[in-house]
PDB file of all heavy atoms in Angstrom:
ATOM      1  N   GLN A   1      -9.356   4.272  -2.635  1.00  0.00           N
ATOM      2  CA  GLN A   1      -8.890   5.033  -3.720  1.00  0.00           C
ATOM      3  C   GLN A   1      -7.367   4.871  -3.889  1.00  0.00           C
ATOM      4  O   GLN A   1      -6.882   4.996  -5.077  1.00  0.00           O
ATOM      5  CB  GLN A   1      -9.235   6.501  -3.441  1.00  0.00           C
ATOM      6  CG  GLN A   1     -10.696   6.864  -3.300  1.00  0.00           C
ATOM      7  CD  GLN A   1     -10.956   8.286  -2.971  1.00  0.00           C
ATOM      8  OE1 GLN A   1     -10.270   8.798  -2.120  1.00  0.00           O
ATOM      9  NE2 GLN A   1     -11.966   8.950  -3.603  1.00  0.00           N
ATOM     10  N   LYS A   2      -6.685   4.799  -2.878  1.00  0.00           N
ATOM     11  CA  LYS A   2      -5.188   4.687  -2.952  1.00  0.00           C
ATOM     12  C   LYS A   2      -4.790   3.227  -3.161  1.00  0.00           C
ATOM     13  O   LYS A   2      -5.483   2.341  -2.631  1.00  0.00           O
ATOM     14  CB  LYS A   2      -4.577   5.197  -1.699  1.00  0.00           C
ATOM     15  CG  LYS A   2      -4.821   6.658  -1.365  1.00  0.00           C
ATOM     16  CD  LYS A   2      -4.099   7.712  -2.280  1.00  0.00           C
ATOM     17  CE  LYS A   2      -2.652   7.636  -2.057  1.00  0.00           C
ATOM     18  NZ  LYS A   2      -1.936   8.580  -2.819  1.00  0.00           N
ATOM     19  N   HIS A   3      -3.672   3.042  -3.737  1.00  0.00           N
ATOM     20  CA  HIS A   3      -3.221   1.622  -4.050  1.00  0.00           C
ATOM     21  C   HIS A   3      -1.757   1.448  -3.648  1.00  0.00           C
ATOM     22  O   HIS A   3      -1.234   0.369  -3.887  1.00  0.00           O
ATOM     23  CB  HIS A   3      -3.517   1.231  -5.474  1.00  0.00           C
ATOM     24  CG  HIS A   3      -2.644   2.039  -6.448  1.00  0.00           C
ATOM     25  ND1 HIS A   3      -1.418   1.796  -6.784  1.00  0.00           N
ATOM     26  CD2 HIS A   3      -3.041   3.120  -7.255  1.00  0.00           C
ATOM     27  CE1 HIS A   3      -0.897   2.612  -7.678  1.00  0.00           C
ATOM     28  NE2 HIS A   3      -1.921   3.426  -7.969  1.00  0.00           N
ATOM     29  N   GLU A   4      -1.113   2.432  -3.078  1.00  0.00           N
ATOM     30  CA  GLU A   4       0.295   2.355  -2.713  1.00  0.00           C
ATOM     31  C   GLU A   4       0.649   3.280  -1.571  1.00  0.00           C
ATOM     32  O   GLU A   4      -0.041   4.189  -1.249  1.00  0.00           O
ATOM     33  CB  GLU A   4       1.159   2.665  -3.962  1.00  0.00           C
ATOM     34  CG  GLU A   4       1.059   4.040  -4.499  1.00  0.00           C
ATOM     35  CD  GLU A   4       1.873   4.301  -5.731  1.00  0.00           C
ATOM     36  OE1 GLU A   4       2.484   3.306  -6.191  1.00  0.00           O
ATOM     37  OE2 GLU A   4       1.799   5.427  -6.207  1.00  0.00           O
ATOM     38  N   ASN A   5       1.754   2.918  -0.873  1.00  0.00           N
ATOM     39  CA  ASN A   5       2.350   3.707   0.078  1.00  0.00           C
ATOM     40  C   ASN A   5       1.383   3.944   1.338  1.00  0.00           C
ATOM     41  O   ASN A   5       1.447   4.963   2.013  1.00  0.00           O
ATOM     42  CB  ASN A   5       2.749   5.082  -0.326  1.00  0.00           C
ATOM     43  CG  ASN A   5       3.821   4.979  -1.429  1.00  0.00           C
ATOM     44  OD1 ASN A   5       4.625   4.064  -1.398  1.00  0.00           O
ATOM     45  ND2 ASN A   5       3.792   5.918  -2.378  1.00  0.00           N
ATOM     46  N   LEU A   6       0.533   2.934   1.662  1.00  0.00           N
ATOM     47  CA  LEU A   6      -0.282   3.045   2.864  1.00  0.00           C
ATOM     48  C   LEU A   6       0.336   2.330   4.012  1.00  0.00           C
ATOM     49  O   LEU A   6       0.985   1.279   3.798  1.00  0.00           O
ATOM     50  CB  LEU A   6      -1.739   2.459   2.507  1.00  0.00           C
ATOM     51  CG  LEU A   6      -2.546   3.244   1.480  1.00  0.00           C
ATOM     52  CD1 LEU A   6      -3.862   2.480   1.307  1.00  0.00           C
ATOM     53  CD2 LEU A   6      -2.778   4.608   1.862  1.00  0.00           C
ATOM     54  N   LYS A   7       0.206   2.848   5.155  1.00  0.00           N
ATOM     55  CA  LYS A   7       0.677   2.198   6.403  1.00  0.00           C
ATOM     56  C   LYS A   7      -0.220   2.405   7.603  1.00  0.00           C
ATOM     57  O   LYS A   7      -0.915   3.419   7.649  1.00  0.00           O
ATOM     58  CB  LYS A   7       2.149   2.631   6.746  1.00  0.00           C
ATOM     59  CG  LYS A   7       2.138   4.171   7.157  1.00  0.00           C
ATOM     60  CD  LYS A   7       3.567   4.473   7.651  1.00  0.00           C
ATOM     61  CE  LYS A   7       3.628   5.963   8.119  1.00  0.00           C
ATOM     62  NZ  LYS A   7       4.934   6.253   8.732  1.00  0.00           N
ATOM     63  N   THR A   8      -0.267   1.423   8.497  1.00  0.00           N
ATOM     64  CA  THR A   8      -0.913   1.517   9.743  1.00  0.00           C
ATOM     65  C   THR A   8      -0.184   2.394  10.704  1.00  0.00           C
ATOM     66  O   THR A   8       0.944   2.062  10.998  1.00  0.00           O
ATOM     67  CB  THR A   8      -1.302   0.112  10.281  1.00  0.00           C
ATOM     68  OG1 THR A   8      -1.939  -0.629   9.341  1.00  0.00           O
ATOM     69  CG2 THR A   8      -2.068   0.353  11.619  1.00  0.00           C
ATOM     70  N   ILE A   9      -0.774   3.439  11.130  1.00  0.00           N
ATOM     71  CA  ILE A   9      -0.134   4.317  12.153  1.00  0.00           C
ATOM     72  C   ILE A   9      -0.657   4.220  13.466  1.00  0.00           C
ATOM     73  O   ILE A   9      -0.088   4.722  14.520  1.00  0.00           O
ATOM     74  CB  ILE A   9      -0.056   5.824  11.697  1.00  0.00           C
ATOM     75  CG1 ILE A   9      -1.414   6.357  11.542  1.00  0.00           C
ATOM     76  CG2 ILE A   9       0.743   5.947  10.367  1.00  0.00           C
ATOM     77  CD1 ILE A   9      -1.477   7.902  11.377  1.00  0.00           C
ATOM     78  N   PHE A  10      -1.777   3.528  13.592  1.00  0.00           N
ATOM     79  CA  PHE A  10      -2.400   3.436  14.909  1.00  0.00           C
ATOM     80  C   PHE A  10      -3.328   2.174  14.904  1.00  0.00           C
ATOM     81  O   PHE A  10      -4.066   1.924  13.980  1.00  0.00           O
ATOM     82  CB  PHE A  10      -3.402   4.636  15.286  1.00  0.00           C
ATOM     83  CG  PHE A  10      -4.195   4.523  16.431  1.00  0.00           C
ATOM     84  CD1 PHE A  10      -3.608   4.861  17.688  1.00  0.00           C
ATOM     85  CD2 PHE A  10      -5.559   4.161  16.356  1.00  0.00           C
ATOM     86  CE1 PHE A  10      -4.334   4.765  18.884  1.00  0.00           C
ATOM     87  CE2 PHE A  10      -6.296   4.064  17.532  1.00  0.00           C
ATOM     88  CZ  PHE A  10      -5.757   4.353  18.767  1.00  0.00           C
ATOM     89  N   ASN A  11      -3.108   1.403  15.996  1.00  0.00           N
ATOM     90  CA  ASN A  11      -3.947   0.195  16.258  1.00  0.00           C
ATOM     91  C   ASN A  11      -4.428   0.255  17.665  1.00  0.00           C
ATOM     92  O   ASN A  11      -3.583   0.059  18.573  1.00  0.00           O
ATOM     93  CB  ASN A  11      -3.142  -1.066  15.872  1.00  0.00           C
ATOM     94  CG  ASN A  11      -3.943  -2.345  16.082  1.00  0.00           C
ATOM     95  OD1 ASN A  11      -5.101  -2.346  16.617  1.00  0.00           O
ATOM     96  ND2 ASN A  11      -3.463  -3.421  15.502  1.00  0.00           N
ATOM     97  N   SER A  12      -5.689   0.414  17.916  1.00  0.00           N
ATOM     98  CA  SER A  12      -6.139   0.750  19.238  1.00  0.00           C
ATOM     99  C   SER A  12      -6.003  -0.372  20.232  1.00  0.00           C
ATOM    100  O   SER A  12      -6.041  -0.121  21.462  1.00  0.00           O
ATOM    101  CB  SER A  12      -7.650   1.109  19.160  1.00  0.00           C
ATOM    102  OG  SER A  12      -8.472   0.011  18.839  1.00  0.00           O
ATOM    103  N   THR A  13      -5.893  -1.697  19.759  1.00  0.00           N
ATOM    104  CA  THR A  13      -5.718  -2.809  20.662  1.00  0.00           C
ATOM    105  C   THR A  13      -4.303  -3.307  20.646  1.00  0.00           C
ATOM    106  O   THR A  13      -4.095  -4.469  20.972  1.00  0.00           O
ATOM    107  CB  THR A  13      -6.752  -3.890  20.354  1.00  0.00           C
ATOM    108  OG1 THR A  13      -6.583  -4.295  18.996  1.00  0.00           O
ATOM    109  CG2 THR A  13      -8.155  -3.440  20.509  1.00  0.00           C
ATOM    110  N   TRP A  14      -3.388  -2.504  20.253  1.00  0.00           N
ATOM    111  CA  TRP A  14      -1.888  -2.837  20.353  1.00  0.00           C
ATOM    112  C   TRP A  14      -1.673  -3.189  21.827  1.00  0.00           C
ATOM    113  O   TRP A  14      -2.034  -2.425  22.782  1.00  0.00           O
ATOM    114  CB  TRP A  14      -1.043  -1.701  19.874  1.00  0.00           C
ATOM    115  CG  TRP A  14       0.432  -1.810  20.074  1.00  0.00           C
ATOM    116  CD1 TRP A  14       1.148  -2.878  19.689  1.00  0.00           C
ATOM    117  CD2 TRP A  14       1.225  -0.835  20.635  1.00  0.00           C
ATOM    118  NE1 TRP A  14       2.480  -2.634  20.083  1.00  0.00           N
ATOM    119  CE2 TRP A  14       2.589  -1.442  20.549  1.00  0.00           C
ATOM    120  CE3 TRP A  14       1.099   0.420  21.212  1.00  0.00           C
ATOM    121  CZ2 TRP A  14       3.658  -0.772  21.110  1.00  0.00           C
ATOM    122  CZ3 TRP A  14       2.173   1.105  21.731  1.00  0.00           C
ATOM    123  CH2 TRP A  14       3.500   0.568  21.641  1.00  0.00           C
ATOM    124  N   GLN A  15      -0.869  -4.167  21.956  1.00  0.00           N
ATOM    125  CA  GLN A  15      -0.557  -4.677  23.367  1.00  0.00           C
ATOM    126  C   GLN A  15       0.260  -3.585  24.185  1.00  0.00           C
ATOM    127  O   GLN A  15       0.130  -3.523  25.414  1.00  0.00           O
ATOM    128  CB  GLN A  15       0.206  -5.932  23.341  1.00  0.00           C
ATOM    129  CG  GLN A  15       0.154  -6.739  24.660  1.00  0.00           C
ATOM    130  CD  GLN A  15       0.714  -8.140  24.521  1.00  0.00           C
ATOM    131  OE1 GLN A  15       1.470  -8.355  23.561  1.00  0.00           O
ATOM    132  NE2 GLN A  15       0.221  -9.004  25.389  1.00  0.00           N
ATOM    133  N   GLY A  16       0.902  -2.798  23.458  1.00  0.00           N
ATOM    134  CA  GLY A  16       1.685  -1.677  24.157  1.00  0.00           C
ATOM    135  C   GLY A  16       0.835  -0.674  24.898  1.00  0.00           C
ATOM    136  O   GLY A  16       1.266   0.044  25.773  1.00  0.00           O
ATOM    137  N   TYR A  17      -0.481  -0.578  24.453  1.00  0.00           N
ATOM    138  CA  TYR A  17      -1.377   0.208  25.139  1.00  0.00           C
ATOM    139  C   TYR A  17      -1.958  -0.270  26.440  1.00  0.00           C
ATOM    140  O   TYR A  17      -2.460   0.350  27.279  1.00  0.00           O
ATOM    141  CB  TYR A  17      -2.521   0.706  24.234  1.00  0.00           C
ATOM    142  CG  TYR A  17      -2.132   1.510  23.014  1.00  0.00           C
ATOM    143  CD1 TYR A  17      -2.723   1.398  21.832  1.00  0.00           C
ATOM    144  CD2 TYR A  17      -1.119   2.504  23.210  1.00  0.00           C
ATOM    145  CE1 TYR A  17      -2.379   2.158  20.710  1.00  0.00           C
ATOM    146  CE2 TYR A  17      -0.734   3.294  22.135  1.00  0.00           C
ATOM    147  CZ  TYR A  17      -1.369   3.213  20.937  1.00  0.00           C
ATOM    148  OH  TYR A  17      -1.004   3.998  19.847  1.00  0.00           O
ATOM    149  N   ASP A  18      -2.028  -1.667  26.467  1.00  0.00           N
ATOM    150  CA  ASP A  18      -2.521  -2.398  27.657  1.00  0.00           C
ATOM    151  C   ASP A  18      -2.102  -3.861  27.564  1.00  0.00           C
ATOM    152  O   ASP A  18      -2.680  -4.683  26.823  1.00  0.00           O
ATOM    153  CB  ASP A  18      -4.112  -2.329  27.634  1.00  0.00           C
ATOM    154  CG  ASP A  18      -4.676  -2.821  29.018  1.00  0.00           C
ATOM    155  OD1 ASP A  18      -4.212  -3.840  29.466  1.00  0.00           O
ATOM    156  OD2 ASP A  18      -5.611  -2.164  29.468  1.00  0.00           O
ATOM    157  N   SER A  19      -1.039  -4.118  28.261  1.00  0.00           N
ATOM    158  CA  SER A  19      -0.414  -5.455  28.207  1.00  0.00           C
ATOM    159  C   SER A  19      -1.274  -6.574  28.891  1.00  0.00           C
ATOM    160  O   SER A  19      -1.127  -7.711  28.540  1.00  0.00           O
ATOM    161  CB  SER A  19       1.009  -5.473  28.779  1.00  0.00           C
ATOM    162  OG  SER A  19       0.899  -5.033  30.231  1.00  0.00           O
ATOM    163  N   GLU A  20      -2.170  -6.165  29.770  1.00  0.00           N
ATOM    164  CA  GLU A  20      -3.020  -7.051  30.360  1.00  0.00           C
ATOM    165  C   GLU A  20      -4.244  -7.545  29.610  1.00  0.00           C
ATOM    166  O   GLU A  20      -4.552  -8.749  29.616  1.00  0.00           O
ATOM    167  CB  GLU A  20      -3.440  -6.465  31.783  1.00  0.00           C
ATOM    168  CG  GLU A  20      -4.287  -7.393  32.642  1.00  0.00           C
ATOM    169  CD  GLU A  20      -4.772  -6.763  33.962  1.00  0.00           C
ATOM    170  OE1 GLU A  20      -4.011  -5.786  34.340  1.00  0.00           O
ATOM    171  OE2 GLU A  20      -5.811  -7.138  34.522  1.00  0.00           O
ATOM    172  N   ASP A  21      -4.876  -6.640  28.972  1.00  0.00           N
ATOM    173  CA  ASP A  21      -6.158  -6.998  28.324  1.00  0.00           C
ATOM    174  C   ASP A  21      -6.108  -6.926  26.782  1.00  0.00           C
ATOM    175  O   ASP A  21      -7.007  -7.447  26.180  1.00  0.00           O
ATOM    176  CB  ASP A  21      -7.296  -5.990  28.755  1.00  0.00           C
ATOM    177  CG  ASP A  21      -7.769  -6.380  30.171  1.00  0.00           C
ATOM    178  OD1 ASP A  21      -7.715  -7.533  30.518  1.00  0.00           O
ATOM    179  OD2 ASP A  21      -8.207  -5.399  30.947  1.00  0.00           O
ATOM    180  N   PHE A  22      -5.095  -6.344  26.230  1.00  0.00           N
ATOM    181  CA  PHE A  22      -5.093  -6.263  24.738  1.00  0.00           C
ATOM    182  C   PHE A  22      -4.076  -7.286  24.206  1.00  0.00           C
ATOM    183  O   PHE A  22      -3.028  -7.510  24.837  1.00  0.00           O
ATOM    184  CB  PHE A  22      -4.604  -4.833  24.304  1.00  0.00           C
ATOM    185  CG  PHE A  22      -5.621  -3.745  24.615  1.00  0.00           C
ATOM    186  CD1 PHE A  22      -5.280  -2.412  24.336  1.00  0.00           C
ATOM    187  CD2 PHE A  22      -6.826  -3.976  25.239  1.00  0.00           C
ATOM    188  CE1 PHE A  22      -6.201  -1.356  24.659  1.00  0.00           C
ATOM    189  CE2 PHE A  22      -7.678  -2.989  25.536  1.00  0.00           C
ATOM    190  CZ  PHE A  22      -7.397  -1.688  25.199  1.00  0.00           C
ATOM    191  N   GLU A  23      -4.480  -7.812  23.069  1.00  0.00           N
ATOM    192  CA  GLU A  23      -3.630  -8.671  22.318  1.00  0.00           C
ATOM    193  C   GLU A  23      -3.478  -8.143  20.934  1.00  0.00           C
ATOM    194  O   GLU A  23      -4.499  -8.118  20.162  1.00  0.00           O
ATOM    195  CB  GLU A  23      -4.227 -10.158  22.361  1.00  0.00           C
ATOM    196  CG  GLU A  23      -3.370 -11.175  21.650  1.00  0.00           C
ATOM    197  CD  GLU A  23      -3.947 -12.581  21.719  1.00  0.00           C
ATOM    198  OE1 GLU A  23      -4.874 -12.786  22.465  1.00  0.00           O
ATOM    199  OE2 GLU A  23      -3.446 -13.400  20.967  1.00  0.00           O
ATOM    200  N   THR A  24      -2.281  -7.813  20.521  1.00  0.00           N
ATOM    201  CA  THR A  24      -2.058  -7.199  19.254  1.00  0.00           C
ATOM    202  C   THR A  24      -2.594  -8.112  18.090  1.00  0.00           C
ATOM    203  O   THR A  24      -2.166  -9.254  17.980  1.00  0.00           O
ATOM    204  CB  THR A  24      -0.615  -6.787  18.990  1.00  0.00           C
ATOM    205  OG1 THR A  24      -0.229  -5.961  20.086  1.00  0.00           O
ATOM    206  CG2 THR A  24      -0.410  -6.113  17.695  1.00  0.00           C
ATOM    207  N   ILE A  25      -3.504  -7.549  17.320  1.00  0.00           N
ATOM    208  CA  ILE A  25      -3.850  -8.287  16.019  1.00  0.00           C
ATOM    209  C   ILE A  25      -3.159  -7.448  14.902  1.00  0.00           C
ATOM    210  O   ILE A  25      -3.621  -6.243  14.705  1.00  0.00           O
ATOM    211  CB  ILE A  25      -5.451  -8.276  15.885  1.00  0.00           C
ATOM    212  CG1 ILE A  25      -6.068  -8.882  17.001  1.00  0.00           C
ATOM    213  CG2 ILE A  25      -5.780  -8.920  14.540  1.00  0.00           C
ATOM    214  CD1 ILE A  25      -5.889 -10.411  17.215  1.00  0.00           C
ATOM    215  N   GLU A  26      -2.210  -8.011  14.218  1.00  0.00           N
ATOM    216  CA  GLU A  26      -1.551  -7.301  13.249  1.00  0.00           C
ATOM    217  C   GLU A  26      -2.512  -6.943  12.097  1.00  0.00           C
ATOM    218  O   GLU A  26      -3.314  -7.877  11.690  1.00  0.00           O
ATOM    219  CB  GLU A  26      -0.369  -8.163  12.708  1.00  0.00           C
ATOM    220  CG  GLU A  26       0.727  -8.412  13.724  1.00  0.00           C
ATOM    221  CD  GLU A  26       1.451  -7.134  14.105  1.00  0.00           C
ATOM    222  OE1 GLU A  26       1.386  -6.170  13.419  1.00  0.00           O
ATOM    223  OE2 GLU A  26       2.114  -7.135  15.199  1.00  0.00           O
ATOM    224  N   THR A  27      -2.455  -5.801  11.613  1.00  0.00           N
ATOM    225  CA  THR A  27      -3.441  -5.355  10.571  1.00  0.00           C
ATOM    226  C   THR A  27      -3.185  -6.041   9.256  1.00  0.00           C
ATOM    227  O   THR A  27      -4.049  -6.160   8.440  1.00  0.00           O
ATOM    228  CB  THR A  27      -3.429  -3.808  10.403  1.00  0.00           C
ATOM    229  OG1 THR A  27      -2.059  -3.358  10.115  1.00  0.00           O
ATOM    230  CG2 THR A  27      -3.855  -3.186  11.667  1.00  0.00           C
ATOM    231  N   ASN A  28      -1.825  -6.331   8.962  1.00  0.00           N
ATOM    232  CA  ASN A  28      -1.505  -7.067   7.699  1.00  0.00           C
ATOM    233  C   ASN A  28      -2.217  -6.337   6.498  1.00  0.00           C
ATOM    234  O   ASN A  28      -2.859  -6.993   5.643  1.00  0.00           O
ATOM    235  CB  ASN A  28      -2.022  -8.531   7.757  1.00  0.00           C
ATOM    236  CG  ASN A  28      -1.318  -9.353   8.835  1.00  0.00           C
ATOM    237  OD1 ASN A  28      -0.044  -9.208   9.002  1.00  0.00           O
ATOM    238  ND2 ASN A  28      -1.953 -10.256   9.508  1.00  0.00           N
ATOM    239  N   LEU A  29      -1.943  -5.165   6.331  1.00  0.00           N
ATOM    240  CA  LEU A  29      -2.516  -4.368   5.238  1.00  0.00           C
ATOM    241  C   LEU A  29      -1.964  -4.941   3.912  1.00  0.00           C
ATOM    242  O   LEU A  29      -0.799  -5.219   3.733  1.00  0.00           O
ATOM    243  CB  LEU A  29      -2.018  -2.870   5.320  1.00  0.00           C
ATOM    244  CG  LEU A  29      -2.711  -1.992   6.330  1.00  0.00           C
ATOM    245  CD1 LEU A  29      -2.182  -0.585   6.139  1.00  0.00           C
ATOM    246  CD2 LEU A  29      -4.187  -1.918   6.065  1.00  0.00           C
ATOM    247  N   SER A  30      -2.844  -4.956   3.000  1.00  0.00           N
ATOM    248  CA  SER A  30      -2.450  -5.301   1.608  1.00  0.00           C
ATOM    249  C   SER A  30      -3.461  -4.634   0.659  1.00  0.00           C
ATOM    250  O   SER A  30      -4.613  -4.467   0.953  1.00  0.00           O
ATOM    251  CB  SER A  30      -2.415  -6.942   1.388  1.00  0.00           C
ATOM    252  OG  SER A  30      -3.723  -7.399   1.489  1.00  0.00           O
ATOM    253  N   ILE A  31      -2.922  -4.300  -0.524  1.00  0.00           N
ATOM    254  CA  ILE A  31      -3.767  -3.638  -1.567  1.00  0.00           C
ATOM    255  C   ILE A  31      -3.895  -4.569  -2.704  1.00  0.00           C
ATOM    256  O   ILE A  31      -2.924  -5.107  -3.265  1.00  0.00           O
ATOM    257  CB  ILE A  31      -3.095  -2.275  -1.927  1.00  0.00           C
ATOM    258  CG1 ILE A  31      -3.071  -1.301  -0.822  1.00  0.00           C
ATOM    259  CG2 ILE A  31      -3.792  -1.702  -3.209  1.00  0.00           C
ATOM    260  CD1 ILE A  31      -4.415  -0.747  -0.502  1.00  0.00           C
ATOM    261  N   LEU A  32      -5.113  -4.734  -3.145  1.00  0.00           N
ATOM    262  CA  LEU A  32      -5.396  -5.520  -4.377  1.00  0.00           C
ATOM    263  C   LEU A  32      -5.698  -4.489  -5.511  1.00  0.00           C
ATOM    264  O   LEU A  32      -6.796  -3.967  -5.603  1.00  0.00           O
ATOM    265  CB  LEU A  32      -6.611  -6.439  -4.138  1.00  0.00           C
ATOM    266  CG  LEU A  32      -6.455  -7.407  -2.923  1.00  0.00           C
ATOM    267  CD1 LEU A  32      -7.785  -8.152  -2.740  1.00  0.00           C
ATOM    268  CD2 LEU A  32      -5.274  -8.292  -3.076  1.00  0.00           C
ATOM    269  N   LYS A  33      -4.696  -4.187  -6.221  1.00  0.00           N
ATOM    270  CA  LYS A  33      -4.773  -3.176  -7.208  1.00  0.00           C
ATOM    271  C   LYS A  33      -5.730  -3.455  -8.332  1.00  0.00           C
ATOM    272  O   LYS A  33      -5.816  -4.637  -8.765  1.00  0.00           O
ATOM    273  CB  LYS A  33      -3.349  -2.882  -7.777  1.00  0.00           C
ATOM    274  CG  LYS A  33      -3.329  -1.711  -8.729  1.00  0.00           C
ATOM    275  CD  LYS A  33      -1.853  -1.433  -9.139  1.00  0.00           C
ATOM    276  CE  LYS A  33      -1.750  -0.303 -10.175  1.00  0.00           C
ATOM    277  NZ  LYS A  33      -0.421  -0.116 -10.705  1.00  0.00           N
ATOM    278  N   ASP A  34      -6.487  -2.440  -8.703  1.00  0.00           N
ATOM    279  CA  ASP A  34      -7.425  -2.578  -9.814  1.00  0.00           C
ATOM    280  C   ASP A  34      -8.515  -3.649  -9.560  1.00  0.00           C
ATOM    281  O   ASP A  34      -9.143  -4.106 -10.447  1.00  0.00           O
ATOM    282  CB  ASP A  34      -6.731  -2.894 -11.117  1.00  0.00           C
ATOM    283  CG  ASP A  34      -5.761  -1.857 -11.501  1.00  0.00           C
ATOM    284  OD1 ASP A  34      -6.037  -0.690 -11.290  1.00  0.00           O
ATOM    285  OD2 ASP A  34      -4.662  -2.161 -12.133  1.00  0.00           O
ATOM    286  N   GLU A  35      -8.722  -3.983  -8.291  1.00  0.00           N
ATOM    287  CA  GLU A  35      -9.776  -4.879  -7.916  1.00  0.00           C
ATOM    288  C   GLU A  35     -10.933  -4.040  -7.361  1.00  0.00           C
ATOM    289  O   GLU A  35     -10.805  -3.671  -6.142  1.00  0.00           O
ATOM    290  CB  GLU A  35      -9.325  -5.935  -6.986  1.00  0.00           C
ATOM    291  CG  GLU A  35     -10.451  -7.036  -6.702  1.00  0.00           C
ATOM    292  CD  GLU A  35      -9.915  -8.179  -5.920  1.00  0.00           C
ATOM    293  OE1 GLU A  35      -8.834  -8.756  -6.231  1.00  0.00           O
ATOM    294  OE2 GLU A  35     -10.531  -8.527  -4.869  1.00  0.00           O
ATOM    295  N   ASN A  36     -11.989  -3.873  -8.066  1.00  0.00           N
ATOM    296  CA  ASN A  36     -13.050  -2.921  -7.559  1.00  0.00           C
ATOM    297  C   ASN A  36     -13.732  -3.524  -6.353  1.00  0.00           C
ATOM    298  O   ASN A  36     -14.058  -4.670  -6.274  1.00  0.00           O
ATOM    299  CB  ASN A  36     -14.052  -2.757  -8.748  1.00  0.00           C
ATOM    300  CG  ASN A  36     -15.167  -1.736  -8.383  1.00  0.00           C
ATOM    301  OD1 ASN A  36     -15.999  -2.067  -7.655  1.00  0.00           O
ATOM    302  ND2 ASN A  36     -15.026  -0.564  -8.978  1.00  0.00           N
ATOM    303  N   TYR A  37     -13.997  -2.526  -5.405  1.00  0.00           N
ATOM    304  CA  TYR A  37     -14.702  -2.920  -4.195  1.00  0.00           C
ATOM    305  C   TYR A  37     -15.414  -1.692  -3.607  1.00  0.00           C
ATOM    306  O   TYR A  37     -14.778  -0.637  -3.573  1.00  0.00           O
ATOM    307  CB  TYR A  37     -13.726  -3.586  -3.101  1.00  0.00           C
ATOM    308  CG  TYR A  37     -14.423  -4.456  -2.096  1.00  0.00           C
ATOM    309  CD1 TYR A  37     -14.545  -5.798  -2.315  1.00  0.00           C
ATOM    310  CD2 TYR A  37     -15.011  -3.918  -0.982  1.00  0.00           C
ATOM    311  CE1 TYR A  37     -15.202  -6.676  -1.400  1.00  0.00           C
ATOM    312  CE2 TYR A  37     -15.600  -4.675  -0.014  1.00  0.00           C
ATOM    313  CZ  TYR A  37     -15.675  -6.088  -0.264  1.00  0.00           C
ATOM    314  OH  TYR A  37     -16.287  -6.880   0.652  1.00  0.00           O
ATOM    315  N   ASP A  38     -16.584  -1.896  -3.229  1.00  0.00           N
ATOM    316  CA  ASP A  38     -17.353  -0.733  -2.581  1.00  0.00           C
ATOM    317  C   ASP A  38     -17.376   0.462  -3.655  1.00  0.00           C
ATOM    318  O   ASP A  38     -17.378   1.701  -3.261  1.00  0.00           O
ATOM    319  CB  ASP A  38     -16.761  -0.189  -1.304  1.00  0.00           C
ATOM    320  CG  ASP A  38     -17.063  -1.106  -0.141  1.00  0.00           C
ATOM    321  OD1 ASP A  38     -17.925  -1.904  -0.190  1.00  0.00           O
ATOM    322  OD2 ASP A  38     -16.290  -1.056   0.826  1.00  0.00           O
ATOM    323  N   ASN A  39     -17.335   0.118  -4.946  1.00  0.00           N
ATOM    324  CA  ASN A  39     -17.330   1.198  -5.975  1.00  0.00           C
ATOM    325  C   ASN A  39     -16.100   1.985  -6.058  1.00  0.00           C
ATOM    326  O   ASN A  39     -16.058   3.168  -6.526  1.00  0.00           O
ATOM    327  CB  ASN A  39     -18.573   2.105  -5.884  1.00  0.00           C
ATOM    328  CG  ASN A  39     -19.854   1.337  -6.144  1.00  0.00           C
ATOM    329  OD1 ASN A  39     -19.911   0.505  -7.125  1.00  0.00           O
ATOM    330  ND2 ASN A  39     -20.911   1.574  -5.304  1.00  0.00           N
ATOM    331  N   PHE A  40     -14.973   1.499  -5.428  1.00  0.00           N
ATOM    332  CA  PHE A  40     -13.666   2.114  -5.576  1.00  0.00           C
ATOM    333  C   PHE A  40     -12.811   1.273  -6.482  1.00  0.00           C
ATOM    334  O   PHE A  40     -13.070   0.010  -6.678  1.00  0.00           O
ATOM    335  CB  PHE A  40     -13.097   2.291  -4.136  1.00  0.00           C
ATOM    336  CG  PHE A  40     -13.757   3.246  -3.298  1.00  0.00           C
ATOM    337  CD1 PHE A  40     -14.737   2.919  -2.334  1.00  0.00           C
ATOM    338  CD2 PHE A  40     -13.450   4.649  -3.395  1.00  0.00           C
ATOM    339  CE1 PHE A  40     -15.296   3.837  -1.540  1.00  0.00           C
ATOM    340  CE2 PHE A  40     -14.056   5.545  -2.582  1.00  0.00           C
ATOM    341  CZ  PHE A  40     -15.025   5.093  -1.675  1.00  0.00           C
ATOM    342  N   GLU A  41     -11.777   1.900  -7.001  1.00  0.00           N
ATOM    343  CA  GLU A  41     -10.887   1.218  -7.961  1.00  0.00           C
ATOM    344  C   GLU A  41     -10.137   0.035  -7.381  1.00  0.00           C
ATOM    345  O   GLU A  41      -9.893  -0.910  -8.061  1.00  0.00           O
ATOM    346  CB  GLU A  41      -9.909   2.216  -8.583  1.00  0.00           C
ATOM    347  CG  GLU A  41     -10.505   3.247  -9.463  1.00  0.00           C
ATOM    348  CD  GLU A  41      -9.317   4.140 -10.043  1.00  0.00           C
ATOM    349  OE1 GLU A  41      -8.494   3.667 -10.748  1.00  0.00           O
ATOM    350  OE2 GLU A  41      -9.464   5.417  -9.723  1.00  0.00           O
TER     351      GLU A  41
END
């Protein structure tokens, strides 16, 4: 529904939570404005 000002505030597999077993996968958020998906704008 939102198309701006979104940010990731939590990533459960951030390496800072477990340096031994977790490897941070950056979320790389991006918004495709006005591109309908899952019946959302």
